[in-house]
Amino acid sequence: MSTMWSSPERRGEHCASCATERVFEQPPCSDGHGPGLCPEWACAECGHALFLGVPDGEGAPALRRSMAVA
């Protein structure tokens, strides 16, 4: 995590599109993750998306298989 402040739904990260530190927020999660637990984050300034962490449970093996095939 960066030096910017963070909360369960907001955190500071480097945005590749803005080329600087920006606040990233979690959009509403349709996968049922609780606040701060969803791996999807979006830059509050430009909307650039980040995927932080590996999902727990059933999604993790499928993610590893798709990465190995690609």
C-alpha atoms as a PDB file:
ATOM      1  CA  MET A   1       0.000   0.000   0.000  1.00  0.00           C
ATOM      2  CA  SER A   2       1.138   3.508  -0.635  1.00  0.00           C
ATOM      3  CA  THR A   3       1.665   6.399   1.728  1.00  0.00           C
ATOM      4  CA  MET A   4      -1.829   7.778   1.077  1.00  0.00           C
ATOM      5  CA  TRP A   5      -4.597   7.044   3.580  1.00  0.00           C
ATOM      6  CA  SER A   6      -6.771   3.981   3.251  1.00  0.00           C
ATOM      7  CA  SER A   7     -10.090   2.625   4.464  1.00  0.00           C
ATOM      8  CA  PRO A   8     -12.005  -0.560   3.640  1.00  0.00           C
ATOM      9  CA  GLU A   9     -13.462   0.981   0.454  1.00  0.00           C
ATOM     10  CA  ARG A  10     -10.798   3.591  -0.432  1.00  0.00           C
ATOM     11  CA  ARG A  11      -7.026   3.428  -0.686  1.00  0.00           C
ATOM     12  CA  GLY A  12      -4.143   5.285  -2.255  1.00  0.00           C
ATOM     13  CA  GLU A  13      -2.300   3.585  -5.107  1.00  0.00           C
ATOM     14  CA  HIS A  14      -0.212   4.597  -8.101  1.00  0.00           C
ATOM     15  CA  CYS A  15      -2.461   5.046 -11.138  1.00  0.00           C
ATOM     16  CA  ALA A  16      -0.747   4.087 -14.393  1.00  0.00           C
ATOM     17  CA  SER A  17      -3.155   6.199 -16.455  1.00  0.00           C
ATOM     18  CA  CYS A  18      -2.804   9.345 -14.314  1.00  0.00           C
ATOM     19  CA  ALA A  19       0.928   8.646 -13.770  1.00  0.00           C
ATOM     20  CA  THR A  20       0.693   9.664 -10.092  1.00  0.00           C
ATOM     21  CA  GLU A  21      -0.764   8.656  -6.729  1.00  0.00           C
ATOM     22  CA  ARG A  22      -4.563   8.667  -6.740  1.00  0.00           C
ATOM     23  CA  VAL A  23      -7.412   7.528  -4.515  1.00  0.00           C
ATOM     24  CA  PHE A  24      -8.836   4.175  -5.612  1.00  0.00           C
ATOM     25  CA  GLU A  25     -12.359   3.151  -4.646  1.00  0.00           C
ATOM     26  CA  GLN A  26     -14.182  -0.137  -4.762  1.00  0.00           C
ATOM     27  CA  PRO A  27     -17.155  -0.147  -7.109  1.00  0.00           C
ATOM     28  CA  PRO A  28     -20.257  -2.048  -5.935  1.00  0.00           C
ATOM     29  CA  CYS A  29     -19.339  -5.738  -5.877  1.00  0.00           C
ATOM     30  CA  SER A  30     -21.735  -8.109  -7.634  1.00  0.00           C
ATOM     31  CA  ASP A  31     -19.740 -11.140  -6.430  1.00  0.00           C
ATOM     32  CA  GLY A  32     -20.839 -10.787  -2.805  1.00  0.00           C
ATOM     33  CA  HIS A  33     -17.530  -9.597  -1.315  1.00  0.00           C
ATOM     34  CA  GLY A  34     -17.886  -7.492   1.822  1.00  0.00           C
ATOM     35  CA  PRO A  35     -16.561  -3.917   2.149  1.00  0.00           C
ATOM     36  CA  GLY A  36     -12.816  -3.881   1.567  1.00  0.00           C
ATOM     37  CA  LEU A  37     -12.691  -7.555   0.535  1.00  0.00           C
ATOM     38  CA  CYS A  38     -13.352  -7.246  -3.198  1.00  0.00           C
ATOM     39  CA  PRO A  39     -10.125  -7.396  -5.263  1.00  0.00           C
ATOM     40  CA  GLU A  40     -11.458  -4.874  -7.805  1.00  0.00           C
ATOM     41  CA  TRP A  41     -10.488  -1.197  -7.406  1.00  0.00           C
ATOM     42  CA  ALA A  42     -10.991   1.837  -9.673  1.00  0.00           C
ATOM     43  CA  CYS A  43      -9.186   5.186  -9.784  1.00  0.00           C
ATOM     44  CA  ALA A  44     -11.570   7.851  -8.506  1.00  0.00           C
ATOM     45  CA  GLU A  45     -10.102  10.345 -11.008  1.00  0.00           C
ATOM     46  CA  CYS A  46      -9.992   8.428 -14.327  1.00  0.00           C
ATOM     47  CA  GLY A  47     -11.577   5.008 -13.658  1.00  0.00           C
ATOM     48  CA  HIS A  48      -8.392   2.976 -14.321  1.00  0.00           C
ATOM     49  CA  ALA A  49      -8.995  -0.490 -12.849  1.00  0.00           C
ATOM     50  CA  LEU A  50      -6.738  -2.517 -10.556  1.00  0.00           C
ATOM     51  CA  PHE A  51      -7.135  -6.108  -9.427  1.00  0.00           C
ATOM     52  CA  LEU A  52      -5.375  -6.468  -6.070  1.00  0.00           C
ATOM     53  CA  GLY A  53      -4.891  -9.897  -4.528  1.00  0.00           C
ATOM     54  CA  VAL A  54      -6.079 -13.351  -5.485  1.00  0.00           C
ATOM     55  CA  PRO A  55      -9.704 -14.288  -4.829  1.00  0.00           C
ATOM     56  CA  ASP A  56     -10.360 -16.862  -2.133  1.00  0.00           C
ATOM     57  CA  GLY A  57     -12.358 -20.018  -2.594  1.00  0.00           C
ATOM     58  CA  GLU A  58     -13.548 -21.458  -5.865  1.00  0.00           C
ATOM     59  CA  GLY A  59     -12.196 -18.683  -8.100  1.00  0.00           C
ATOM     60  CA  ALA A  60      -8.522 -19.181  -7.221  1.00  0.00           C
ATOM     61  CA  PRO A  61      -7.936 -22.559  -8.972  1.00  0.00           C
ATOM     62  CA  ALA A  62      -9.699 -21.340 -12.140  1.00  0.00           C
ATOM     63  CA  LEU A  63      -7.556 -18.189 -12.133  1.00  0.00           C
ATOM     64  CA  ARG A  64      -4.356 -20.247 -11.871  1.00  0.00           C
ATOM     65  CA  ARG A  65      -5.445 -22.530 -14.720  1.00  0.00           C
ATOM     66  CA  SER A  66      -6.244 -19.612 -17.023  1.00  0.00           C
ATOM     67  CA  MET A  67      -2.902 -17.977 -16.241  1.00  0.00           C
ATOM     68  CA  ALA A  68      -1.022 -21.208 -17.017  1.00  0.00           C
ATOM     69  CA  VAL A  69      -2.776 -21.639 -20.362  1.00  0.00           C
ATOM     70  CA  ALA A  70      -2.342 -18.049 -21.527  1.00  0.00           C
END
